[in-house]
N, C-alpha and C. Protein backbone atom coordinates (compact mmCIF):
# COMPACT_ATOMS: atom_id res chain seq x y z
N LEU A 1 62.75 44.90 101.99
CA LEU A 1 63.03 43.83 101.05
C LEU A 1 64.46 43.90 100.52
N LYS A 2 64.95 45.13 100.30
CA LYS A 2 66.32 45.27 99.80
C LYS A 2 67.32 44.68 100.78
N SER A 3 67.07 44.86 102.08
CA SER A 3 68.00 44.34 103.08
C SER A 3 68.02 42.81 103.11
N GLU A 4 66.96 42.20 102.60
CA GLU A 4 66.90 40.74 102.53
C GLU A 4 67.45 40.20 101.21
N GLY A 5 68.03 41.09 100.41
CA GLY A 5 68.62 40.67 99.15
C GLY A 5 67.65 40.62 97.99
N PHE A 6 66.44 41.13 98.20
CA PHE A 6 65.42 41.14 97.15
C PHE A 6 65.73 42.29 96.20
N GLU A 7 65.70 42.04 94.90
CA GLU A 7 66.04 43.07 93.93
C GLU A 7 65.13 42.99 92.72
N LEU A 8 65.38 43.85 91.76
CA LEU A 8 64.55 43.95 90.56
C LEU A 8 64.45 42.63 89.81
N ASN A 9 65.52 41.88 89.74
CA ASN A 9 65.49 40.58 89.04
C ASN A 9 64.53 39.60 89.71
N ASN A 10 64.45 39.63 91.04
CA ASN A 10 63.50 38.77 91.75
C ASN A 10 62.06 39.15 91.41
N ILE A 11 61.81 40.45 91.32
CA ILE A 11 60.47 40.91 90.97
C ILE A 11 60.14 40.50 89.54
N ALA A 12 61.10 40.61 88.63
CA ALA A 12 60.88 40.21 87.24
C ALA A 12 60.52 38.73 87.16
N GLU A 13 61.18 37.90 87.94
CA GLU A 13 60.86 36.47 87.97
C GLU A 13 59.45 36.24 88.46
N ARG A 14 59.03 36.99 89.48
CA ARG A 14 57.67 36.84 90.02
C ARG A 14 56.63 37.31 89.00
N VAL A 15 56.93 38.39 88.28
CA VAL A 15 56.02 38.87 87.24
C VAL A 15 55.84 37.80 86.18
N ALA A 16 56.92 37.21 85.72
CA ALA A 16 56.85 36.15 84.72
C ALA A 16 56.02 34.98 85.23
N GLN A 17 56.20 34.64 86.49
CA GLN A 17 55.44 33.53 87.09
C GLN A 17 53.95 33.89 87.18
N ALA A 18 53.65 35.09 87.65
CA ALA A 18 52.25 35.51 87.82
C ALA A 18 51.50 35.55 86.50
N LEU A 19 52.17 36.00 85.46
CA LEU A 19 51.54 36.13 84.15
C LEU A 19 51.73 34.90 83.27
N ASP A 20 52.46 33.91 83.78
CA ASP A 20 52.74 32.69 83.04
C ASP A 20 53.40 33.00 81.69
N LEU A 21 54.48 33.79 81.78
CA LEU A 21 55.23 34.22 80.60
C LEU A 21 56.70 33.87 80.79
N PRO A 22 57.45 33.74 79.69
CA PRO A 22 58.89 33.58 79.82
C PRO A 22 59.51 34.87 80.39
N LEU A 23 60.55 34.73 81.16
CA LEU A 23 61.21 35.87 81.80
C LEU A 23 61.68 36.91 80.78
N GLU A 24 62.08 36.47 79.60
CA GLU A 24 62.59 37.40 78.59
C GLU A 24 61.56 38.45 78.19
N ILE A 25 60.29 38.09 78.24
CA ILE A 25 59.23 39.02 77.85
C ILE A 25 59.17 40.21 78.81
N VAL A 26 59.46 39.98 80.07
CA VAL A 26 59.43 41.06 81.06
C VAL A 26 60.45 42.14 80.70
N TRP A 27 61.57 41.76 80.13
CA TRP A 27 62.64 42.71 79.81
C TRP A 27 62.56 43.27 78.40
N GLU A 28 61.63 42.78 77.57
CA GLU A 28 61.51 43.29 76.21
C GLU A 28 61.07 44.75 76.23
N ASN A 29 61.39 45.46 75.17
CA ASN A 29 61.01 46.86 75.08
C ASN A 29 60.19 47.08 73.82
N ASN A 30 58.92 46.67 73.87
CA ASN A 30 58.01 46.92 72.76
C ASN A 30 56.60 47.10 73.32
N ARG A 31 55.64 47.28 72.46
CA ARG A 31 54.28 47.62 72.91
C ARG A 31 53.28 46.48 72.78
N ARG A 32 53.76 45.28 72.66
CA ARG A 32 52.83 44.15 72.65
C ARG A 32 52.11 44.10 73.99
N PRO A 33 50.83 43.75 74.00
CA PRO A 33 50.06 43.76 75.25
C PRO A 33 50.69 42.95 76.39
N GLN A 34 51.25 41.79 76.07
CA GLN A 34 51.89 40.97 77.12
C GLN A 34 53.06 41.70 77.75
N VAL A 35 53.85 42.36 76.93
CA VAL A 35 55.03 43.07 77.41
C VAL A 35 54.60 44.28 78.25
N VAL A 36 53.61 45.01 77.78
CA VAL A 36 53.11 46.17 78.51
C VAL A 36 52.61 45.75 79.89
N GLN A 37 51.85 44.68 79.93
CA GLN A 37 51.31 44.19 81.21
C GLN A 37 52.45 43.75 82.13
N ALA A 38 53.41 43.03 81.61
CA ALA A 38 54.52 42.54 82.43
C ALA A 38 55.36 43.69 82.98
N ARG A 39 55.71 44.63 82.12
CA ARG A 39 56.54 45.75 82.56
C ARG A 39 55.77 46.67 83.52
N SER A 40 54.46 46.75 83.35
CA SER A 40 53.64 47.56 84.26
C SER A 40 53.66 46.96 85.65
N LEU A 41 53.48 45.65 85.75
CA LEU A 41 53.55 44.99 87.06
C LEU A 41 54.95 45.12 87.65
N LEU A 42 55.97 44.97 86.83
CA LEU A 42 57.35 45.10 87.28
C LEU A 42 57.57 46.49 87.90
N CYS A 43 57.14 47.51 87.21
CA CYS A 43 57.33 48.88 87.72
C CYS A 43 56.51 49.12 88.99
N TYR A 44 55.29 48.65 89.00
CA TYR A 44 54.43 48.85 90.18
C TYR A 44 55.03 48.19 91.41
N TRP A 45 55.37 46.91 91.30
CA TRP A 45 55.93 46.21 92.46
C TRP A 45 57.30 46.75 92.85
N SER A 46 58.08 47.17 91.88
CA SER A 46 59.40 47.74 92.18
C SER A 46 59.27 49.04 92.95
N ALA A 47 58.32 49.86 92.55
CA ALA A 47 58.13 51.15 93.22
C ALA A 47 57.49 50.98 94.59
N LYS A 48 56.44 50.20 94.66
CA LYS A 48 55.66 50.11 95.91
C LYS A 48 56.23 49.12 96.92
N GLN A 49 56.77 48.02 96.48
CA GLN A 49 57.26 47.00 97.41
C GLN A 49 58.76 47.13 97.68
N LEU A 50 59.52 47.45 96.64
CA LEU A 50 60.97 47.53 96.77
C LEU A 50 61.44 48.94 97.10
N GLY A 51 60.59 49.93 96.83
CA GLY A 51 60.95 51.31 97.11
C GLY A 51 61.92 51.90 96.11
N MET A 52 61.96 51.34 94.93
CA MET A 52 62.85 51.82 93.88
C MET A 52 62.33 53.15 93.35
N SER A 53 63.23 54.07 93.04
CA SER A 53 62.80 55.38 92.53
C SER A 53 62.39 55.26 91.06
N MET A 54 61.52 56.16 90.65
CA MET A 54 61.06 56.18 89.25
C MET A 54 62.24 56.44 88.32
N THR A 55 63.16 57.29 88.75
CA THR A 55 64.32 57.62 87.93
C THR A 55 65.21 56.39 87.74
N GLU A 56 65.42 55.64 88.80
CA GLU A 56 66.24 54.43 88.71
C GLU A 56 65.60 53.41 87.78
N MET A 57 64.28 53.24 87.91
CA MET A 57 63.58 52.31 87.02
C MET A 57 63.66 52.77 85.57
N ALA A 58 63.51 54.08 85.36
CA ALA A 58 63.60 54.63 84.00
C ALA A 58 64.94 54.30 83.37
N ASN A 59 66.00 54.45 84.14
CA ASN A 59 67.33 54.14 83.64
C ASN A 59 67.49 52.66 83.34
N ARG A 60 66.98 51.81 84.22
CA ARG A 60 67.12 50.36 84.03
C ARG A 60 66.29 49.84 82.85
N LEU A 61 65.13 50.47 82.61
CA LEU A 61 64.21 49.96 81.59
C LEU A 61 64.26 50.74 80.28
N GLY A 62 65.04 51.78 80.22
CA GLY A 62 65.13 52.56 78.99
C GLY A 62 63.89 53.38 78.72
N LEU A 63 63.24 53.86 79.77
CA LEU A 63 62.05 54.69 79.66
C LEU A 63 62.33 56.06 80.23
N THR A 64 61.41 56.99 80.03
CA THR A 64 61.52 58.28 80.69
C THR A 64 60.87 58.18 82.06
N GLN A 65 61.20 59.09 82.94
CA GLN A 65 60.61 59.07 84.29
C GLN A 65 59.09 59.25 84.23
N PRO A 66 58.55 60.16 83.41
CA PRO A 66 57.08 60.26 83.32
C PRO A 66 56.44 58.97 82.79
N ALA A 67 57.10 58.29 81.88
CA ALA A 67 56.57 57.03 81.36
C ALA A 67 56.52 55.98 82.46
N VAL A 68 57.52 55.95 83.33
CA VAL A 68 57.53 55.01 84.43
C VAL A 68 56.38 55.32 85.39
N CYS A 69 56.12 56.58 85.63
CA CYS A 69 55.02 56.99 86.52
C CYS A 69 53.68 56.47 85.98
N ILE A 70 53.47 56.62 84.69
CA ILE A 70 52.24 56.12 84.06
C ILE A 70 52.19 54.60 84.14
N THR A 71 53.33 53.96 83.93
CA THR A 71 53.42 52.50 83.97
C THR A 71 53.13 51.96 85.36
N VAL A 72 53.58 52.66 86.39
CA VAL A 72 53.31 52.24 87.77
C VAL A 72 51.81 52.28 88.03
N ARG A 73 51.14 53.34 87.60
CA ARG A 73 49.69 53.44 87.79
C ARG A 73 48.96 52.32 87.04
N ARG A 74 49.42 52.02 85.83
CA ARG A 74 48.82 50.93 85.05
C ARG A 74 49.05 49.60 85.76
N GLY A 75 50.24 49.41 86.30
CA GLY A 75 50.55 48.18 87.02
C GLY A 75 49.69 48.00 88.26
N GLU A 76 49.42 49.10 88.95
CA GLU A 76 48.54 49.02 90.13
C GLU A 76 47.15 48.57 89.72
N TYR A 77 46.65 49.10 88.63
CA TYR A 77 45.33 48.71 88.12
C TYR A 77 45.32 47.23 87.74
N ILE A 78 46.35 46.78 87.03
CA ILE A 78 46.44 45.38 86.62
C ILE A 78 46.49 44.46 87.84
N ALA A 79 47.31 44.82 88.82
CA ALA A 79 47.44 43.98 90.02
C ALA A 79 46.12 43.92 90.78
N THR A 80 45.44 45.04 90.89
CA THR A 80 44.17 45.09 91.62
C THR A 80 43.08 44.30 90.89
N GLN A 81 42.95 44.52 89.59
CA GLN A 81 41.90 43.87 88.82
C GLN A 81 42.07 42.35 88.75
N ASN A 82 43.32 41.89 88.76
CA ASN A 82 43.58 40.46 88.62
C ASN A 82 44.02 39.78 89.90
N CYS A 83 44.00 40.54 91.01
CA CYS A 83 44.38 40.01 92.33
C CYS A 83 45.80 39.43 92.34
N TYR A 84 46.72 40.10 91.62
CA TYR A 84 48.12 39.68 91.64
C TYR A 84 48.80 40.25 92.88
N SER A 85 49.65 39.44 93.47
CA SER A 85 50.42 39.89 94.62
C SER A 85 51.87 39.45 94.44
N LEU A 86 52.78 40.28 94.89
CA LEU A 86 54.19 39.97 94.76
C LEU A 86 54.56 38.70 95.49
N PHE A 87 53.88 38.42 96.58
CA PHE A 87 54.28 37.28 97.42
C PHE A 87 53.38 36.05 97.30
N ASP A 88 52.39 36.07 96.41
CA ASP A 88 51.57 34.88 96.20
C ASP A 88 52.40 33.85 95.45
N GLU A 89 52.19 32.62 95.78
CA GLU A 89 52.93 31.54 95.09
C GLU A 89 52.05 30.85 94.10
């Protein structure tokens, strides 16, 4: 995906679309349920689909690496339970 020009911002746009939220919510740094869900999906898809490292995501999102690891697992659960896919339109 990286070679096709796909990056974190593209995933953030898809997360906002999937959750029917404004894009700004994906980048917020608080513990509101909507924000937690959006950032969890962002981390999951970034790690699994884009191949981004946990350390790189931690730096971009202002989290610790262990927090990103937990967030990725939460995002996987959210995606599975709600049948969200990075490439669904």
